[in-house]
Amino acid sequence: MSKKLAVVILNWNGKSWLEKFLPGVIRFSQDADIYVIDNLSTDDSVAFLQNNFPSVKIIENDKNYGFAGGYNEGLKQIDHEFYCLLNSDVEVTENWIESILSLFEKDSAISAIQPKILSFNNKKYFEFAGAAGGLIDNLGYPYCRGRIFDDLEEDKGQYNDETEIFWASGCCFFIRSKDFWEQKGFDERFFAHQEEIDLCWRLINSGKKIFYTGKSKVYHVGGGTLNKQSAQKTYLNIRNNLSMLLKNLPFPKLIVLIFFRLCLDGIAGIYFGLKQGFPHLWAVVRAHFAFYGQAAETWRRRQNYQKEVFYQSKWLIFKHFLKR
């Protein structure tokens, strides 16, 4: 008899991460079935799993679909009430699942939940990818409780609450399978980065809730696939963020905001070029042209209703960089 929860790890050439963190996932996830979706790795990840973790179910994709498409393909073969999409570079802790499932049971309108995400390399501090729950400002910039851009807070218990948020981090992302498939999963065109924010936004537009609980805690290494300084990461974040705004903002607000964001991206591109080199400036240019190329299809994917978003902070980029 299968369990309610499937813990699902997407893997691409991540044998070292599986070797390091999968034993802990198995140890502390007795209430879940554990799966690894392999995105056609070229290392010996699959053989390693078969030889060392026979209890883990393996799903082999026929190519590398990226984060978004990889989960969409693999999850088609997993029939559980809840999914936990877990990065391979995450250390879980004892009782990390119980409070999540309890929160789902309390409110059927909750679609997705994330735990407290701390840094594996500095366990007193929050981790970049999710921290204590994702929010968004009125310019469409994602940020987190416990993390504003690259500035991280020390965990002093200030986020030990359970509260509604705007987006849950994809590095440890619990979701009702029914809601995942009603939204047709992640937007596979994103490939990686901000696809979970887009999905959460679509869920909110459909009347669902996204939650955070500080009663569950995990530690994330971060940068296991793309380094924070990668020009490709710059490209994906900018392209995907613009597509997300076009898809989910109410009309006509999106016209003004996207124009403003394109201008800000130009300024950011010059800054990136001076600070990190020409590849990052070129990544911004490429991202804009890719956004234009996808715009018609992005518009077609808009839902019938776009909810007016409550912004927890306004003009965040100016407050942070100009006023500190």
Protein backbone atom coordinates (compact mmCIF):
# COMPACT_ATOMS: atom_id res chain seq x y z
CA MET A 1 0.00 0.00 0.00
CA SER A 2 1.47 3.33 -1.07
CA LYS A 3 1.77 6.20 1.37
CA LYS A 4 0.16 9.64 1.03
CA LEU A 5 3.46 11.43 0.40
CA ALA A 6 6.08 10.88 -2.27
CA VAL A 7 9.46 12.53 -1.66
CA VAL A 8 10.80 13.07 -5.18
CA ILE A 9 14.39 14.04 -5.97
CA LEU A 10 15.29 15.19 -9.48
CA ASN A 11 18.80 14.13 -10.39
CA TRP A 12 21.21 15.05 -13.15
CA ASN A 13 24.80 13.90 -12.65
CA GLY A 14 24.33 14.32 -8.91
CA LYS A 15 25.75 11.06 -7.59
CA SER A 16 27.88 12.87 -4.99
CA TRP A 17 24.84 14.70 -3.61
CA LEU A 18 22.80 11.48 -3.48
CA GLU A 19 25.62 9.71 -1.69
CA LYS A 20 25.85 12.49 0.86
CA PHE A 21 22.19 13.34 1.55
CA LEU A 22 19.95 10.46 0.45
CA PRO A 23 20.68 8.30 3.55
CA GLY A 24 19.28 11.07 5.75
CA VAL A 25 16.20 11.43 3.55
CA ILE A 26 15.52 7.69 3.90
CA ARG A 27 16.15 7.73 7.64
CA PHE A 28 13.82 10.64 8.39
CA SER A 29 11.08 9.92 5.82
CA GLN A 30 9.46 6.74 7.06
CA ASP A 31 6.01 8.19 6.28
CA ALA A 32 6.85 8.65 2.59
CA ASP A 33 7.77 6.71 -0.52
CA ILE A 34 11.05 7.96 -1.98
CA TYR A 35 11.66 8.42 -5.70
CA VAL A 36 14.56 9.67 -7.79
CA ILE A 37 13.76 11.03 -11.25
CA ASP A 38 16.92 10.83 -13.33
CA ASN A 39 17.27 13.40 -16.14
CA LEU A 40 19.44 11.11 -18.32
CA SER A 41 22.57 11.50 -16.20
CA THR A 42 25.91 10.73 -17.82
CA ASP A 43 27.54 9.69 -14.55
CA ASP A 44 26.66 6.37 -12.91
CA SER A 45 23.90 7.81 -10.70
CA VAL A 46 21.32 5.20 -11.68
CA ALA A 47 23.62 2.22 -11.15
CA PHE A 48 24.74 3.72 -7.84
CA LEU A 49 21.13 3.99 -6.68
CA GLN A 50 20.26 0.47 -7.80
CA ASN A 51 23.26 -1.00 -5.99
CA ASN A 52 23.07 1.01 -2.77
CA PHE A 53 19.45 2.12 -2.22
CA PRO A 54 17.11 -0.68 -3.36
CA SER A 55 14.16 0.87 -1.48
CA VAL A 56 14.31 4.02 -3.63
CA LYS A 57 12.14 3.92 -6.74
CA ILE A 58 13.89 5.18 -9.89
CA ILE A 59 12.23 6.90 -12.84
CA GLU A 60 14.47 7.43 -15.87
CA ASN A 61 13.64 10.31 -18.21
CA ASP A 62 14.69 9.88 -21.84
CA LYS A 63 16.56 13.22 -21.89
CA ASN A 64 17.52 16.14 -19.68
CA TYR A 65 14.28 18.14 -19.50
CA GLY A 66 15.65 20.64 -16.98
CA PHE A 67 14.10 21.21 -13.57
CA ALA A 68 10.60 22.12 -14.75
CA GLY A 69 10.20 19.60 -17.54
CA GLY A 70 12.08 16.91 -15.63
CA TYR A 71 9.59 16.97 -12.79
CA ASN A 72 6.63 17.22 -15.18
CA GLU A 73 7.75 14.08 -17.01
CA GLY A 74 8.72 12.03 -13.98
CA LEU A 75 5.74 12.89 -11.78
CA LYS A 76 3.38 11.45 -14.40
CA GLN A 77 4.44 8.05 -13.04
CA ILE A 78 3.88 8.86 -9.36
CA ASP A 79 0.38 8.49 -7.90
CA HIS A 80 0.36 10.01 -4.41
CA GLU A 81 -1.84 12.59 -2.70
CA PHE A 82 1.12 14.84 -1.91
CA TYR A 83 4.48 15.44 -3.55
CA CYS A 84 7.63 16.78 -1.90
CA LEU A 85 9.96 17.99 -4.63
CA LEU A 86 13.36 17.93 -2.96
CA ASN A 87 16.71 19.08 -4.31
CA SER A 88 19.46 16.49 -4.11
CA ASP A 89 21.68 18.91 -2.13
CA VAL A 90 19.30 19.20 0.83
CA GLU A 91 19.87 17.75 4.30
CA VAL A 92 16.55 16.96 6.00
CA THR A 93 16.02 16.72 9.75
CA GLU A 94 14.05 14.56 12.13
CA ASN A 95 10.27 15.14 11.97
CA TRP A 96 10.58 17.36 8.91
CA ILE A 97 7.46 15.85 7.31
CA GLU A 98 4.91 15.67 10.12
CA SER A 99 4.19 19.38 10.55
CA ILE A 100 3.83 19.80 6.76
CA LEU A 101 1.20 17.06 6.44
CA SER A 102 -0.58 18.38 9.54
CA LEU A 103 -0.86 21.82 7.95
CA PHE A 104 -2.28 20.33 4.74
CA GLU A 105 -4.91 18.50 6.82
CA LYS A 106 -5.95 21.71 8.63
CA ASP A 107 -6.90 23.64 5.49
CA SER A 108 -7.88 22.11 2.15
CA ALA A 109 -7.26 25.47 0.41
CA ILE A 110 -3.52 25.19 1.07
CA SER A 111 -1.88 23.92 -2.12
CA ALA A 112 1.85 24.25 -1.43
CA ILE A 113 4.06 24.50 1.66
CA GLN A 114 7.74 25.04 2.32
CA PRO A 115 9.74 24.48 5.53
CA LYS A 116 12.39 26.73 7.04
CA ILE A 117 15.40 26.56 4.73
CA LEU A 118 18.78 27.19 6.32
CA SER A 119 22.27 27.16 4.83
CA PHE A 120 24.07 23.83 5.01
CA ASN A 121 27.43 25.64 4.94
CA ASN A 122 26.51 28.10 7.69
CA LYS A 123 23.70 26.57 9.68
CA LYS A 124 22.96 29.64 11.77
CA TYR A 125 21.85 31.57 8.69
CA PHE A 126 19.00 31.29 6.21
CA GLU A 127 19.71 29.98 2.72
CA PHE A 128 19.27 32.03 -0.43
CA ALA A 129 16.73 29.75 -2.14
CA GLY A 130 13.59 30.14 -0.05
CA ALA A 131 14.74 31.09 3.47
CA ALA A 132 11.55 31.56 5.53
CA GLY A 133 9.07 31.82 2.68
CA GLY A 134 8.89 33.68 -0.60
CA LEU A 135 7.27 37.07 -1.20
CA ILE A 136 7.18 39.49 -4.16
CA ASP A 137 7.31 43.27 -4.40
CA ASN A 138 5.23 45.58 -6.59
CA LEU A 139 7.87 45.50 -9.35
CA GLY A 140 7.76 41.71 -9.53
CA TYR A 141 11.07 41.07 -7.74
CA PRO A 142 10.94 37.86 -5.67
CA TYR A 143 12.49 37.93 -2.20
CA CYS A 144 12.17 35.99 1.05
CA ARG A 145 11.61 36.47 4.71
CA GLY A 146 15.16 36.10 5.96
CA ARG A 147 16.76 37.02 2.60
CA ILE A 148 16.67 40.25 0.60
CA PHE A 149 18.62 39.87 -2.67
CA ASP A 150 22.03 38.55 -1.44
CA ASP A 151 21.69 39.64 2.21
CA LEU A 152 20.87 36.78 4.59
CA GLU A 153 19.56 36.96 8.15
CA GLU A 154 20.74 34.87 11.07
CA ASP A 155 18.08 32.47 12.31
CA LYS A 156 17.15 33.65 15.82
CA GLY A 157 13.69 32.09 15.88
CA GLN A 158 12.09 35.16 14.30
CA TYR A 159 10.42 32.98 11.65
CA ASN A 160 9.26 30.02 13.72
CA ASP A 161 5.67 30.77 12.73
CA GLU A 162 3.19 29.26 10.29
CA THR A 163 1.99 31.86 7.81
CA GLU A 164 0.69 32.43 4.32
CA ILE A 165 3.36 33.41 1.79
CA PHE A 166 3.43 34.19 -1.93
CA TRP A 167 5.70 31.41 -3.16
CA ALA A 168 7.32 28.28 -1.80
CA SER A 169 10.89 27.36 -2.69
CA GLY A 170 11.48 24.68 -5.29
CA CYS A 171 14.39 23.26 -3.30
CA CYS A 172 11.91 21.75 -0.83
CA PHE A 173 8.44 22.12 -2.30
CA PHE A 174 5.43 20.26 -0.88
CA ILE A 175 2.29 20.33 -3.04
CA ARG A 176 -1.02 18.52 -3.43
CA SER A 177 -0.70 16.39 -6.56
CA LYS A 178 -4.26 17.28 -7.59
CA ASP A 179 -3.42 20.99 -7.62
CA PHE A 180 -0.12 20.40 -9.41
CA TRP A 181 -1.85 18.65 -12.29
CA GLU A 182 -4.83 21.02 -12.40
CA GLN A 183 -2.25 23.71 -13.20
CA LYS A 184 -0.56 21.37 -15.73
CA GLY A 185 2.56 21.34 -13.59
CA PHE A 186 5.51 23.65 -14.08
CA ASP A 187 5.90 25.74 -17.23
CA GLU A 188 8.48 23.55 -18.98
CA ARG A 189 9.71 26.53 -21.08
CA PHE A 190 11.30 27.98 -17.94
CA PHE A 191 13.72 25.01 -17.86
CA ALA A 192 14.97 26.12 -14.42
CA HIS A 193 14.60 29.09 -12.04
CA GLN A 194 11.36 30.78 -10.90
CA GLU A 195 9.16 28.01 -12.28
CA GLU A 196 7.94 27.38 -8.72
CA ILE A 197 7.06 31.07 -8.28
CA ASP A 198 5.07 30.98 -11.52
CA LEU A 199 3.23 27.85 -10.35
CA CYS A 200 2.45 29.38 -6.94
CA TRP A 201 1.17 32.54 -8.63
CA ARG A 202 -1.14 30.47 -10.82
CA LEU A 203 -2.38 28.62 -7.75
CA ILE A 204 -3.11 31.93 -6.00
CA ASN A 205 -4.95 33.18 -9.10
CA SER A 206 -7.11 30.06 -8.88
CA GLY A 207 -8.03 30.77 -5.23
CA LYS A 208 -5.48 28.56 -3.45
CA LYS A 209 -3.06 29.36 -0.62
CA ILE A 210 0.72 28.96 -0.27
CA PHE A 211 2.13 28.44 3.24
CA TYR A 212 5.34 28.35 5.26
CA THR A 213 5.95 26.49 8.50
CA GLY A 214 8.91 27.06 10.80
CA LYS A 215 8.14 23.78 12.57
CA SER A 216 9.94 21.93 9.78
CA LYS A 217 13.60 22.59 8.98
CA VAL A 218 16.03 21.59 6.23
CA TYR A 219 19.55 22.65 5.22
CA HIS A 220 20.33 23.51 1.60
CA VAL A 221 23.79 23.64 0.01
CA GLY A 222 22.66 25.73 -2.99
CA GLY A 223 24.35 26.20 -6.36
CA GLY A 224 24.61 22.46 -6.93
CA THR A 225 23.60 22.77 -10.60
CA LEU A 226 24.21 26.41 -11.56
CA ASN A 227 26.57 28.61 -9.58
CA LYS A 228 25.12 31.92 -8.38
CA GLN A 229 27.68 33.73 -10.53
CA SER A 230 26.68 31.87 -13.71
CA ALA A 231 25.70 34.04 -16.69
CA GLN A 232 23.21 31.33 -17.66
CA LYS A 233 21.53 31.76 -14.29
CA THR A 234 21.27 35.51 -14.95
CA TYR A 235 19.69 34.75 -18.33
CA LEU A 236 17.14 32.27 -16.95
CA ASN A 237 16.13 34.45 -14.01
CA ILE A 238 15.50 37.54 -16.14
CA ARG A 239 13.74 35.74 -19.00
CA ASN A 240 11.56 33.67 -16.68
CA ASN A 241 10.67 36.56 -14.41
CA LEU A 242 9.42 38.65 -17.34
CA SER A 243 7.40 35.70 -18.68
CA MET A 244 5.93 35.12 -15.23
CA LEU A 245 4.77 38.75 -15.03
CA LEU A 246 3.19 38.63 -18.48
CA LYS A 247 1.39 35.42 -17.63
CA ASN A 248 0.07 36.27 -14.16
CA LEU A 249 -0.39 40.03 -13.69
CA PRO A 250 -3.83 41.57 -14.29
CA PHE A 251 -4.27 43.66 -17.43
CA PRO A 252 -3.53 46.56 -18.04
CA LYS A 253 -1.13 46.84 -15.06
CA LEU A 254 1.24 44.37 -16.68
CA ILE A 255 1.93 46.71 -19.65
CA VAL A 256 3.31 49.52 -17.47
CA LEU A 257 5.17 47.20 -15.14
CA ILE A 258 6.86 45.14 -17.84
CA PHE A 259 8.01 48.30 -19.66
CA PHE A 260 9.44 49.63 -16.39
CA ARG A 261 11.13 46.31 -15.69
CA LEU A 262 12.71 46.20 -19.15
CA CYS A 263 14.27 49.59 -18.43
CA LEU A 264 15.53 48.46 -15.02
CA ASP A 265 16.95 45.31 -16.59
CA GLY A 266 18.95 47.51 -18.96
CA ILE A 267 20.48 49.33 -16.00
CA ALA A 268 21.09 46.02 -14.24
CA GLY A 269 22.77 44.65 -17.36
CA ILE A 270 25.28 47.50 -17.40
CA TYR A 271 25.91 46.95 -13.68
CA PHE A 272 26.39 43.20 -14.20
CA GLY A 273 28.73 43.87 -17.12
CA LEU A 274 30.93 46.18 -15.06
CA LYS A 275 30.91 43.97 -11.98
CA GLN A 276 30.85 40.43 -13.39
CA GLY A 277 31.93 40.78 -17.01
CA PHE A 278 30.45 40.98 -20.50
CA PRO A 279 28.78 37.52 -20.44
CA HIS A 280 26.33 38.79 -17.81
CA LEU A 281 25.49 41.90 -19.82
CA TRP A 282 24.94 39.71 -22.88
CA ALA A 283 22.78 37.37 -20.76
CA VAL A 284 20.38 40.26 -20.09
CA VAL A 285 20.17 41.06 -23.82
CA ARG A 286 19.57 37.39 -24.69
CA ALA A 287 16.93 37.12 -21.96
CA HIS A 288 14.95 40.04 -23.39
CA PHE A 289 14.96 38.67 -26.91
CA ALA A 290 13.97 35.22 -25.63
CA PHE A 291 11.11 36.83 -23.69
CA TYR A 292 9.89 38.59 -26.85
CA GLY A 293 10.10 35.33 -28.77
CA GLN A 294 7.96 33.52 -26.21
CA ALA A 295 5.50 36.36 -25.58
CA ALA A 296 2.67 35.11 -27.81
CA GLU A 297 2.74 31.63 -26.25
CA THR A 298 3.07 33.13 -22.76
CA TRP A 299 -0.04 35.24 -23.37
CA ARG A 300 -1.91 32.16 -24.59
CA ARG A 301 -1.12 30.43 -21.29
CA ARG A 302 -2.68 33.16 -19.16
CA GLN A 303 -5.53 31.98 -16.94
CA ASN A 304 -9.04 33.38 -17.20
CA TYR A 305 -8.60 35.33 -13.99
CA GLN A 306 -5.62 37.23 -12.54
CA LYS A 307 -6.02 38.06 -8.87
CA GLU A 308 -4.88 41.46 -7.62
CA VAL A 309 -1.70 40.69 -5.70
CA PHE A 310 -1.07 42.04 -2.21
CA TYR A 311 2.54 43.19 -2.17
CA GLN A 312 4.23 42.72 1.19
CA SER A 313 6.83 45.32 0.21
CA LYS A 314 6.90 48.07 -2.42
CA TRP A 315 9.86 49.44 -4.37
CA LEU A 316 12.13 46.90 -2.71
CA ILE A 317 15.05 47.38 -5.11
CA PHE A 318 15.21 51.12 -4.38
CA LYS A 319 14.80 50.68 -0.62
CA HIS A 320 17.53 48.06 -0.52
CA PHE A 321 20.19 49.48 -2.85
CA LEU A 322 19.61 53.23 -2.36
CA LYS A 323 18.34 53.49 1.23
CA ARG A 324 19.84 50.24 2.56
